[in-house]
Structures are given as C-alpha cells and as structure tokens.
Amino acid sequence: MAPPPGAVPPPPAAQRPPHGAPQGPPPGAPYGGPQGSPQQQPAQQPVGNAQQIQPLQGEPPLTLYRDRRPIVLQPGTDIDRFGDAAGNVTYAIRTPYSRRSLPPQWSSRPYHAFRVQRPMHVLRGTAVPWFEQPGGGTAFVLPGAISDLITDGTIVELQGPDAQRPPME
C-alpha cells in the first residue's frame, strides 16, 4: 500500500539501526551538521515506563528521532507544529524549521502554536539530520491528535505574538 500524499518516508531498512542501537544517519551519510537546540527549553519531567506513544498516520516515523524517552510536559510549556490538527508530532516552540528535519514542502503547511494546560505524557526525541537539514530540534510526540487534545482542554492554541512562525534557517 502506498503512503498517503505528503507522508514522510521511513529510512530504508538497511539504514535503520538494530534494536537498542544509537539513532541517527548511517556513517558516511551525505548530510549532517552540528547539533542544535531549540530557542526555548520546555518544562519537562522524566517519566518511568509510560504508555507507548506513536506518531499518527502521515507523521514522521520514530526512526527520525534519537534519544527518545517518555516525559511529562508541564502546564505552561509551549509547543508548535507545521500541519493540521489531525497530527500529533510537535516541537519546542520556535524551533527553526531546519532543526526539525521535515520535508521541505511541509514548510508551506499552516503553522500552529499551543500551550500545555495540564500535565501530559509525551515521547521526547531529537530530530536526526534528514532531508539535507541538520536536525537537532526537540520533538514531542503527543498521546493523541492535536484536535482531541484541544477538545479535552489539555492544550490551547496560541494567537498573536505568541504564535509567531519560527525561522526557516
């Protein structure tokens, strides 16, 4: 079955690390760069054996994130995403686009920023270099679709200056 239009293709099987191996591009990958960090570090707390959280259909696969671990995002943490409310992959707010390692064409998707209202179990990871971008941004895979989390009051959408698009660099 073909992936949905605009879906991120997973790395070829030959490039996937064995279970438990470090994540990231294979040695000699044609691109990479210095590891970056988001402009704002979110409030987070490590969690033990949290429920397995997975990206929803059409979202980047977990293989595109290294150093994955379950954490709890605390109220007041700001996150954002390029895409609609049917997805569940977000980043630390205003993470430059190139640090997200998303497909270049996704930069034209609608941009949305959110604030966490209640403690929320998420999967945190660092974007690996991909799509000729350096990666290094902090990603958060949420436990459900953005639309569901807005409906139940776990997050609220930010407006105005708090929802300014991040740099594309």
N, C-alpha and C. Protein backbone atom coordinates (compact mmCIF):
# COMPACT_ATOMS: atom_id res chain seq x y z
N MET A 1 0.85 -1.17 0.00
CA MET A 1 0.00 0.00 0.00
C MET A 1 0.89 1.23 0.00
N ALA A 2 0.58 2.19 -0.83
CA ALA A 2 1.37 3.42 -0.95
C ALA A 2 1.08 4.34 0.23
N PRO A 3 2.13 5.07 0.69
CA PRO A 3 1.90 6.01 1.79
C PRO A 3 1.01 7.15 1.34
N PRO A 4 0.30 7.80 2.27
CA PRO A 4 -0.56 8.92 1.90
C PRO A 4 0.28 10.07 1.35
N PRO A 5 -0.31 10.91 0.48
CA PRO A 5 0.44 12.04 -0.08
C PRO A 5 1.00 12.91 1.04
N GLY A 6 2.26 13.28 0.88
CA GLY A 6 2.90 14.16 1.84
C GLY A 6 3.47 13.45 3.05
N ALA A 7 3.32 12.11 3.13
CA ALA A 7 3.84 11.37 4.28
C ALA A 7 5.36 11.33 4.21
N VAL A 8 5.99 11.28 5.36
CA VAL A 8 7.45 11.19 5.41
C VAL A 8 7.84 9.74 5.20
N PRO A 9 8.69 9.46 4.21
CA PRO A 9 9.10 8.08 4.00
C PRO A 9 10.08 7.66 5.10
N PRO A 10 9.95 6.43 5.62
CA PRO A 10 10.91 5.99 6.61
C PRO A 10 12.25 5.72 5.95
N PRO A 11 13.34 5.74 6.72
CA PRO A 11 14.63 5.41 6.14
C PRO A 11 14.60 3.99 5.60
N PRO A 12 15.36 3.69 4.53
CA PRO A 12 15.42 2.32 4.03
C PRO A 12 15.85 1.37 5.15
N ALA A 13 15.39 0.12 5.09
CA ALA A 13 15.67 -0.86 6.13
C ALA A 13 17.17 -0.99 6.38
N ALA A 14 17.99 -0.88 5.35
CA ALA A 14 19.44 -1.01 5.51
C ALA A 14 20.00 0.12 6.36
N GLN A 15 19.28 1.24 6.47
CA GLN A 15 19.77 2.37 7.24
C GLN A 15 19.19 2.42 8.64
N ARG A 16 18.28 1.52 8.97
CA ARG A 16 17.69 1.52 10.30
C ARG A 16 18.64 0.82 11.27
N PRO A 17 18.89 1.40 12.43
CA PRO A 17 19.77 0.75 13.39
C PRO A 17 19.07 -0.44 14.02
N PRO A 18 19.84 -1.46 14.46
CA PRO A 18 19.22 -2.58 15.16
C PRO A 18 18.62 -2.09 16.47
N HIS A 19 17.71 -2.88 17.03
CA HIS A 19 17.04 -2.51 18.27
C HIS A 19 18.08 -2.19 19.34
N GLY A 20 17.94 -1.03 19.98
CA GLY A 20 18.84 -0.63 21.03
C GLY A 20 20.07 0.13 20.56
N ALA A 21 20.30 0.19 19.25
CA ALA A 21 21.47 0.90 18.72
C ALA A 21 21.19 2.40 18.69
N PRO A 22 22.24 3.23 18.70
CA PRO A 22 22.03 4.68 18.62
C PRO A 22 21.28 5.06 17.36
N GLN A 23 20.45 6.09 17.47
CA GLN A 23 19.70 6.59 16.33
C GLN A 23 20.52 7.61 15.58
N GLY A 24 20.17 7.86 14.34
CA GLY A 24 20.85 8.88 13.55
C GLY A 24 21.16 8.34 12.19
N PRO A 25 21.74 9.19 11.34
CA PRO A 25 22.05 8.74 10.00
C PRO A 25 23.19 7.73 10.04
N PRO A 26 23.28 6.86 9.03
CA PRO A 26 24.37 5.89 8.99
C PRO A 26 25.70 6.60 8.79
N PRO A 27 26.81 5.96 9.19
CA PRO A 27 28.11 6.57 8.96
C PRO A 27 28.29 6.91 7.48
N GLY A 28 28.85 8.06 7.22
CA GLY A 28 29.07 8.47 5.83
C GLY A 28 27.85 9.04 5.16
N ALA A 29 26.78 9.32 5.93
CA ALA A 29 25.58 9.91 5.32
C ALA A 29 25.96 11.20 4.62
N PRO A 30 25.28 11.54 3.52
CA PRO A 30 25.67 12.70 2.73
C PRO A 30 25.39 14.03 3.37
N TYR A 31 24.70 14.08 4.48
CA TYR A 31 24.43 15.35 5.13
C TYR A 31 24.45 15.17 6.63
N GLY A 32 24.49 16.23 7.30
CA GLY A 32 24.56 16.25 8.75
C GLY A 32 24.93 17.65 9.17
N GLY A 33 25.32 17.82 10.37
CA GLY A 33 25.71 19.14 10.83
C GLY A 33 25.76 19.19 12.33
N PRO A 34 26.07 20.35 12.85
CA PRO A 34 26.16 20.48 14.31
C PRO A 34 24.79 20.29 14.94
N GLN A 35 24.81 19.74 16.10
CA GLN A 35 23.54 19.54 16.81
C GLN A 35 23.07 20.88 17.35
N GLY A 36 21.80 21.20 17.16
CA GLY A 36 21.25 22.47 17.61
C GLY A 36 20.38 22.26 18.82
N SER A 37 19.85 23.34 19.29
CA SER A 37 18.92 23.27 20.40
C SER A 37 17.83 24.30 20.18
N PRO A 38 16.63 24.02 20.67
CA PRO A 38 15.55 24.97 20.48
C PRO A 38 15.84 26.27 21.23
N GLN A 39 15.16 27.33 20.82
CA GLN A 39 15.37 28.63 21.45
C GLN A 39 14.83 28.66 22.87
N GLN A 40 13.85 27.86 23.15
CA GLN A 40 13.24 27.85 24.48
C GLN A 40 13.19 26.40 24.95
N GLN A 41 13.71 26.12 26.11
CA GLN A 41 13.68 24.77 26.64
C GLN A 41 12.36 24.56 27.37
N PRO A 42 11.56 23.55 26.97
CA PRO A 42 10.27 23.34 27.60
C PRO A 42 10.41 22.77 29.01
N ALA A 43 9.40 23.03 29.82
CA ALA A 43 9.34 22.43 31.14
C ALA A 43 8.98 20.97 30.95
N GLN A 44 9.81 20.09 31.47
CA GLN A 44 9.56 18.67 31.28
C GLN A 44 10.08 17.90 32.47
N GLN A 45 9.54 16.72 32.62
CA GLN A 45 9.90 15.87 33.74
C GLN A 45 10.00 14.45 33.22
N PRO A 46 11.14 13.74 33.48
CA PRO A 46 11.25 12.36 33.01
C PRO A 46 10.16 11.49 33.64
N VAL A 47 9.80 10.44 32.92
CA VAL A 47 8.76 9.53 33.36
C VAL A 47 9.30 8.12 33.25
N GLY A 48 8.85 7.24 34.10
CA GLY A 48 9.25 5.84 34.03
C GLY A 48 8.65 5.15 32.83
N ASN A 49 8.09 4.00 33.03
CA ASN A 49 7.51 3.22 31.94
C ASN A 49 6.15 3.79 31.54
N ALA A 50 6.17 4.82 30.71
CA ALA A 50 4.93 5.43 30.24
C ALA A 50 4.33 4.58 29.12
N GLN A 51 3.07 4.77 28.89
CA GLN A 51 2.37 4.09 27.80
C GLN A 51 3.10 4.38 26.49
N GLN A 52 3.18 3.41 25.60
CA GLN A 52 3.86 3.58 24.32
C GLN A 52 3.10 4.61 23.47
N ILE A 53 3.79 5.68 23.10
CA ILE A 53 3.21 6.74 22.29
C ILE A 53 3.82 6.65 20.91
N GLN A 54 3.00 6.69 19.88
CA GLN A 54 3.45 6.55 18.49
C GLN A 54 2.96 7.72 17.65
N PRO A 55 3.72 8.09 16.61
CA PRO A 55 3.22 9.09 15.66
C PRO A 55 1.98 8.56 14.95
N LEU A 56 1.03 9.44 14.67
CA LEU A 56 -0.16 9.06 13.92
C LEU A 56 0.17 8.92 12.44
N GLN A 57 -0.74 8.33 11.68
CA GLN A 57 -0.53 8.13 10.24
C GLN A 57 -0.21 9.46 9.56
N GLY A 58 0.82 9.44 8.69
CA GLY A 58 1.22 10.63 7.95
C GLY A 58 2.26 11.48 8.67
N GLU A 59 2.58 11.13 9.92
CA GLU A 59 3.58 11.86 10.68
C GLU A 59 4.95 11.20 10.49
N PRO A 60 6.04 11.93 10.80
CA PRO A 60 7.37 11.33 10.69
C PRO A 60 7.48 10.11 11.61
N PRO A 61 8.17 9.04 11.15
CA PRO A 61 8.31 7.84 11.98
C PRO A 61 9.30 8.06 13.13
N LEU A 62 9.22 7.22 14.14
CA LEU A 62 10.11 7.34 15.29
C LEU A 62 11.58 7.19 14.93
N THR A 63 11.89 6.53 13.82
CA THR A 63 13.29 6.36 13.41
C THR A 63 13.95 7.69 13.08
N LEU A 64 13.18 8.75 12.90
CA LEU A 64 13.76 10.06 12.61
C LEU A 64 14.05 10.87 13.87
N TYR A 65 13.97 10.21 15.04
CA TYR A 65 14.29 10.87 16.31
C TYR A 65 15.26 10.00 17.10
N ARG A 66 16.29 10.62 17.66
CA ARG A 66 17.23 9.90 18.52
C ARG A 66 16.97 10.29 19.97
N ASP A 67 17.58 9.57 20.87
CA ASP A 67 17.46 9.88 22.31
C ASP A 67 16.00 9.98 22.75
N ARG A 68 15.18 9.06 22.27
CA ARG A 68 13.75 9.10 22.62
C ARG A 68 13.56 8.66 24.07
N ARG A 69 12.66 9.37 24.75
CA ARG A 69 12.30 8.97 26.11
C ARG A 69 10.95 9.57 26.48
N PRO A 70 10.19 8.85 27.29
CA PRO A 70 8.91 9.40 27.75
C PRO A 70 9.15 10.44 28.83
N ILE A 71 8.41 11.53 28.75
CA ILE A 71 8.47 12.61 29.75
C ILE A 71 7.05 13.12 29.98
N VAL A 72 6.92 14.03 30.92
CA VAL A 72 5.65 14.74 31.14
C VAL A 72 5.89 16.21 30.85
N LEU A 73 5.15 16.75 29.89
CA LEU A 73 5.18 18.20 29.65
C LEU A 73 4.30 18.86 30.70
N GLN A 74 4.82 19.89 31.31
CA GLN A 74 4.12 20.57 32.39
C GLN A 74 3.27 21.74 31.86
N PRO A 75 2.23 22.13 32.57
CA PRO A 75 1.43 23.29 32.17
C PRO A 75 2.34 24.51 31.97
N GLY A 76 2.02 25.27 30.92
CA GLY A 76 2.81 26.44 30.58
C GLY A 76 3.85 26.19 29.51
N THR A 77 4.11 24.92 29.17
CA THR A 77 5.06 24.59 28.11
C THR A 77 4.44 24.94 26.76
N ASP A 78 5.19 25.63 25.91
CA ASP A 78 4.71 26.00 24.58
C ASP A 78 5.33 25.08 23.54
N ILE A 79 4.50 24.59 22.63
CA ILE A 79 4.91 23.69 21.56
C ILE A 79 4.30 24.19 20.26
N ASP A 80 4.79 23.68 19.12
CA ASP A 80 4.22 24.11 17.84
C ASP A 80 4.34 23.00 16.80
N ARG A 81 3.72 23.25 15.65
CA ARG A 81 3.79 22.29 14.54
C ARG A 81 3.44 22.97 13.23
N PHE A 82 3.94 22.39 12.14
CA PHE A 82 3.53 22.73 10.79
C PHE A 82 2.59 21.61 10.37
N GLY A 83 1.33 21.92 10.14
CA GLY A 83 0.36 20.91 9.74
C GLY A 83 -0.96 21.12 10.44
N ASP A 84 -1.90 20.25 10.11
CA ASP A 84 -3.25 20.41 10.65
C ASP A 84 -3.38 19.76 12.03
N ALA A 85 -4.57 19.83 12.57
CA ALA A 85 -4.83 19.34 13.92
C ALA A 85 -5.06 17.83 13.99
N ALA A 86 -4.93 17.12 12.85
CA ALA A 86 -5.09 15.67 12.85
C ALA A 86 -3.80 14.96 13.27
N GLY A 87 -2.68 15.69 13.33
CA GLY A 87 -1.39 15.08 13.66
C GLY A 87 -1.09 15.15 15.15
N ASN A 88 0.06 14.54 15.53
CA ASN A 88 0.45 14.56 16.94
C ASN A 88 1.94 14.79 17.16
N VAL A 89 2.69 15.19 16.13
CA VAL A 89 4.11 15.50 16.30
C VAL A 89 4.27 17.01 16.40
N THR A 90 4.89 17.46 17.49
CA THR A 90 5.12 18.88 17.73
C THR A 90 6.59 19.07 18.08
N TYR A 91 6.98 20.33 18.19
CA TYR A 91 8.37 20.68 18.54
C TYR A 91 8.35 21.76 19.61
N ALA A 92 9.48 21.93 20.29
CA ALA A 92 9.64 23.05 21.21
C ALA A 92 9.37 24.32 20.39
N ILE A 93 8.57 25.21 20.93
CA ILE A 93 8.11 26.37 20.17
C ILE A 93 9.28 27.15 19.56
N ARG A 94 9.07 27.58 18.33
CA ARG A 94 10.00 28.37 17.54
C ARG A 94 11.32 27.65 17.21
N THR A 95 11.31 26.32 17.27
CA THR A 95 12.47 25.57 16.78
C THR A 95 12.61 25.90 15.30
N PRO A 96 13.80 26.34 14.84
CA PRO A 96 13.95 26.64 13.41
C PRO A 96 13.54 25.43 12.55
N TYR A 97 12.96 25.72 11.40
CA TYR A 97 12.44 24.66 10.54
C TYR A 97 13.53 23.64 10.20
N SER A 98 14.74 24.10 9.90
CA SER A 98 15.82 23.19 9.51
C SER A 98 16.19 22.23 10.64
N ARG A 99 15.93 22.58 11.88
CA ARG A 99 16.26 21.72 13.02
C ARG A 99 15.20 20.63 13.23
N ARG A 100 14.10 20.72 12.48
CA ARG A 100 13.02 19.73 12.59
C ARG A 100 13.22 18.57 11.62
N SER A 101 14.04 18.75 10.59
CA SER A 101 14.28 17.72 9.56
C SER A 101 12.98 17.21 8.95
N LEU A 102 12.09 18.13 8.64
CA LEU A 102 10.83 17.79 7.97
C LEU A 102 11.00 17.98 6.47
N PRO A 103 10.14 17.35 5.65
CA PRO A 103 10.23 17.56 4.21
C PRO A 103 10.13 19.05 3.87
N PRO A 104 10.96 19.54 2.95
CA PRO A 104 10.95 20.97 2.61
C PRO A 104 9.56 21.50 2.25
N GLN A 105 8.76 20.71 1.55
CA GLN A 105 7.44 21.18 1.12
C GLN A 105 6.48 21.37 2.29
N TRP A 106 6.77 20.79 3.44
CA TRP A 106 5.90 20.96 4.60
C TRP A 106 5.99 22.36 5.18
N SER A 107 7.00 23.14 4.81
CA SER A 107 7.14 24.49 5.36
C SER A 107 5.98 25.39 4.94
N SER A 108 5.26 25.02 3.88
CA SER A 108 4.11 25.82 3.44
C SER A 108 2.81 25.40 4.15
N ARG A 109 2.86 24.38 4.97
CA ARG A 109 1.68 23.97 5.73
C ARG A 109 1.34 25.04 6.78
N PRO A 110 0.09 25.06 7.22
CA PRO A 110 -0.29 26.02 8.27
C PRO A 110 0.55 25.80 9.53
N TYR A 111 0.93 26.89 10.17
CA TYR A 111 1.71 26.84 11.40
C TYR A 111 0.79 27.11 12.59
N HIS A 112 0.95 26.32 13.64
CA HIS A 112 0.13 26.48 14.85
C HIS A 112 1.01 26.36 16.08
N ALA A 113 0.72 27.16 17.09
CA ALA A 113 1.43 27.10 18.37
C ALA A 113 0.42 26.80 19.47
N PHE A 114 0.87 26.07 20.49
CA PHE A 114 -0.02 25.61 21.56
C PHE A 114 0.65 25.77 22.92
N ARG A 115 -0.17 25.86 23.96
CA ARG A 115 0.33 25.89 25.34
C ARG A 115 -0.31 24.73 26.09
N VAL A 116 0.52 23.99 26.80
CA VAL A 116 0.05 22.87 27.61
C VAL A 116 -0.70 23.42 28.83
N GLN A 117 -1.89 22.88 29.09
CA GLN A 117 -2.73 23.31 30.21
C GLN A 117 -2.74 22.33 31.37
N ARG A 118 -2.49 21.05 31.07
CA ARG A 118 -2.46 20.01 32.10
C ARG A 118 -1.23 19.14 31.85
N PRO A 119 -0.66 18.53 32.89
CA PRO A 119 0.47 17.63 32.66
C PRO A 119 0.10 16.59 31.60
N MET A 120 1.03 16.34 30.68
CA MET A 120 0.74 15.45 29.55
C MET A 120 1.94 14.54 29.29
N HIS A 121 1.70 13.23 29.29
CA HIS A 121 2.73 12.25 28.94
C HIS A 121 2.98 12.34 27.44
N VAL A 122 4.25 12.49 27.05
CA VAL A 122 4.64 12.57 25.64
C VAL A 122 5.91 11.76 25.45
N LEU A 123 6.28 11.56 24.19
CA LEU A 123 7.56 10.96 23.85
C LEU A 123 8.44 12.07 23.31
N ARG A 124 9.58 12.32 23.96
CA ARG A 124 10.51 13.36 23.56
C ARG A 124 11.62 12.72 22.74
N GLY A 125 12.06 13.41 21.69
CA GLY A 125 13.19 12.94 20.88
C GLY A 125 13.87 14.11 20.21
N THR A 126 15.04 13.85 19.67
CA THR A 126 15.81 14.86 18.95
C THR A 126 15.82 14.49 17.48
N ALA A 127 15.43 15.43 16.62
CA ALA A 127 15.37 15.18 15.18
C ALA A 127 16.77 14.87 14.66
N VAL A 128 16.89 13.78 13.88
CA VAL A 128 18.16 13.43 13.25
C VAL A 128 18.30 14.23 11.96
N PRO A 129 19.52 14.38 11.44
CA PRO A 129 19.68 15.03 10.14
C PRO A 129 18.93 14.23 9.07
N TRP A 130 18.14 14.91 8.26
CA TRP A 130 17.37 14.26 7.19
C TRP A 130 16.93 15.35 6.24
N PHE A 131 16.60 15.01 5.03
CA PHE A 131 16.17 15.97 4.01
C PHE A 131 17.19 17.11 3.87
N GLU A 132 18.47 16.76 3.96
CA GLU A 132 19.57 17.72 3.83
C GLU A 132 19.45 18.88 4.82
N GLN A 133 18.93 18.57 6.01
CA GLN A 133 18.80 19.54 7.09
C GLN A 133 19.57 19.00 8.30
N PRO A 134 20.06 19.90 9.16
CA PRO A 134 20.92 19.44 10.27
C PRO A 134 20.20 18.72 11.40
N GLY A 135 18.89 18.89 11.54
CA GLY A 135 18.20 18.28 12.67
C GLY A 135 18.62 18.93 13.98
N GLY A 136 18.42 18.23 15.07
CA GLY A 136 18.81 18.73 16.39
C GLY A 136 17.68 19.34 17.18
N GLY A 137 16.51 19.54 16.57
CA GLY A 137 15.38 20.12 17.28
C GLY A 137 14.72 19.12 18.21
N THR A 138 14.11 19.62 19.27
CA THR A 138 13.42 18.77 20.23
C THR A 138 11.98 18.56 19.80
N ALA A 139 11.65 17.29 19.54
CA ALA A 139 10.30 16.91 19.11
C ALA A 139 9.54 16.29 20.27
N PHE A 140 8.22 16.46 20.24
CA PHE A 140 7.34 15.85 21.22
C PHE A 140 6.23 15.13 20.47
N VAL A 141 6.16 13.80 20.62
CA VAL A 141 5.06 13.04 20.05
C VAL A 141 3.99 12.98 21.14
N LEU A 142 2.84 13.55 20.83
CA LEU A 142 1.76 13.68 21.80
C LEU A 142 0.93 12.39 21.87
N PRO A 143 0.18 12.18 22.94
CA PRO A 143 -0.58 10.94 23.10
C PRO A 143 -1.81 10.83 22.22
N GLY A 144 -2.17 11.89 21.52
CA GLY A 144 -3.33 11.87 20.64
C GLY A 144 -3.25 13.01 19.66
N ALA A 145 -4.25 13.10 18.80
CA ALA A 145 -4.30 14.17 17.80
C ALA A 145 -4.45 15.52 18.48
N ILE A 146 -3.86 16.54 17.88
CA ILE A 146 -3.97 17.91 18.37
C ILE A 146 -5.44 18.27 18.60
N SER A 147 -6.30 17.93 17.64
CA SER A 147 -7.73 18.29 17.75
C SER A 147 -8.35 17.70 19.01
N ASP A 148 -8.02 16.45 19.34
CA ASP A 148 -8.57 15.81 20.54
C ASP A 148 -8.04 16.47 21.81
N LEU A 149 -6.76 16.84 21.79
CA LEU A 149 -6.15 17.46 22.98
C LEU A 149 -6.68 18.87 23.21
N ILE A 150 -7.05 19.57 22.14
CA ILE A 150 -7.71 20.87 22.28
C ILE A 150 -9.11 20.68 22.85
N THR A 151 -9.84 19.71 22.30
CA THR A 151 -11.21 19.46 22.74
C THR A 151 -11.28 19.11 24.22
N ASP A 152 -10.32 18.30 24.70
CA ASP A 152 -10.39 17.90 26.11
C ASP A 152 -9.69 18.88 27.05
N GLY A 153 -9.15 19.99 26.50
CA GLY A 153 -8.56 21.04 27.33
C GLY A 153 -7.13 20.80 27.76
N THR A 154 -6.48 19.77 27.21
CA THR A 154 -5.09 19.50 27.58
C THR A 154 -4.16 20.58 27.03
N ILE A 155 -4.46 21.09 25.83
CA ILE A 155 -3.69 22.18 25.22
C ILE A 155 -4.65 23.24 24.70
N VAL A 156 -4.14 24.46 24.53
CA VAL A 156 -4.90 25.53 23.89
C VAL A 156 -4.03 26.11 22.78
N GLU A 157 -4.68 26.59 21.73
CA GLU A 157 -3.93 27.20 20.64
C GLU A 157 -3.59 28.64 21.00
N LEU A 158 -2.35 29.04 20.71
CA LEU A 158 -1.89 30.40 20.97
C LEU A 158 -2.21 31.28 19.77
N GLN A 159 -2.40 32.56 20.02
CA GLN A 159 -2.70 33.53 18.97
C GLN A 159 -1.73 34.71 19.09
N GLY A 160 -1.69 35.54 18.07
CA GLY A 160 -0.91 36.78 18.11
C GLY A 160 0.58 36.55 18.21
N PRO A 161 1.29 37.42 18.95
CA PRO A 161 2.75 37.35 19.02
C PRO A 161 3.27 36.02 19.59
N ASP A 162 2.46 35.37 20.43
CA ASP A 162 2.88 34.08 21.00
C ASP A 162 2.90 32.97 19.95
N ALA A 163 2.27 33.21 18.81
CA ALA A 163 2.17 32.19 17.77
C ALA A 163 2.97 32.57 16.52
N GLN A 164 4.06 33.29 16.71
CA GLN A 164 4.89 33.73 15.58
C GLN A 164 5.63 32.53 14.98
N ARG A 165 5.64 32.46 13.63
CA ARG A 165 6.34 31.37 12.94
C ARG A 165 7.83 31.39 13.28
N PRO A 166 8.44 30.21 13.38
CA PRO A 166 9.88 30.16 13.66
C PRO A 166 10.68 30.49 12.40
N PRO A 167 11.99 30.75 12.57
CA PRO A 167 12.83 30.98 11.39
C PRO A 167 12.94 29.71 10.55
N MET A 168 13.16 29.88 9.27
CA MET A 168 13.28 28.73 8.37
C MET A 168 14.70 28.18 8.32
N GLU A 169 15.67 28.92 8.73
CA GLU A 169 17.09 28.57 8.62
C GLU A 169 17.42 27.14 8.92
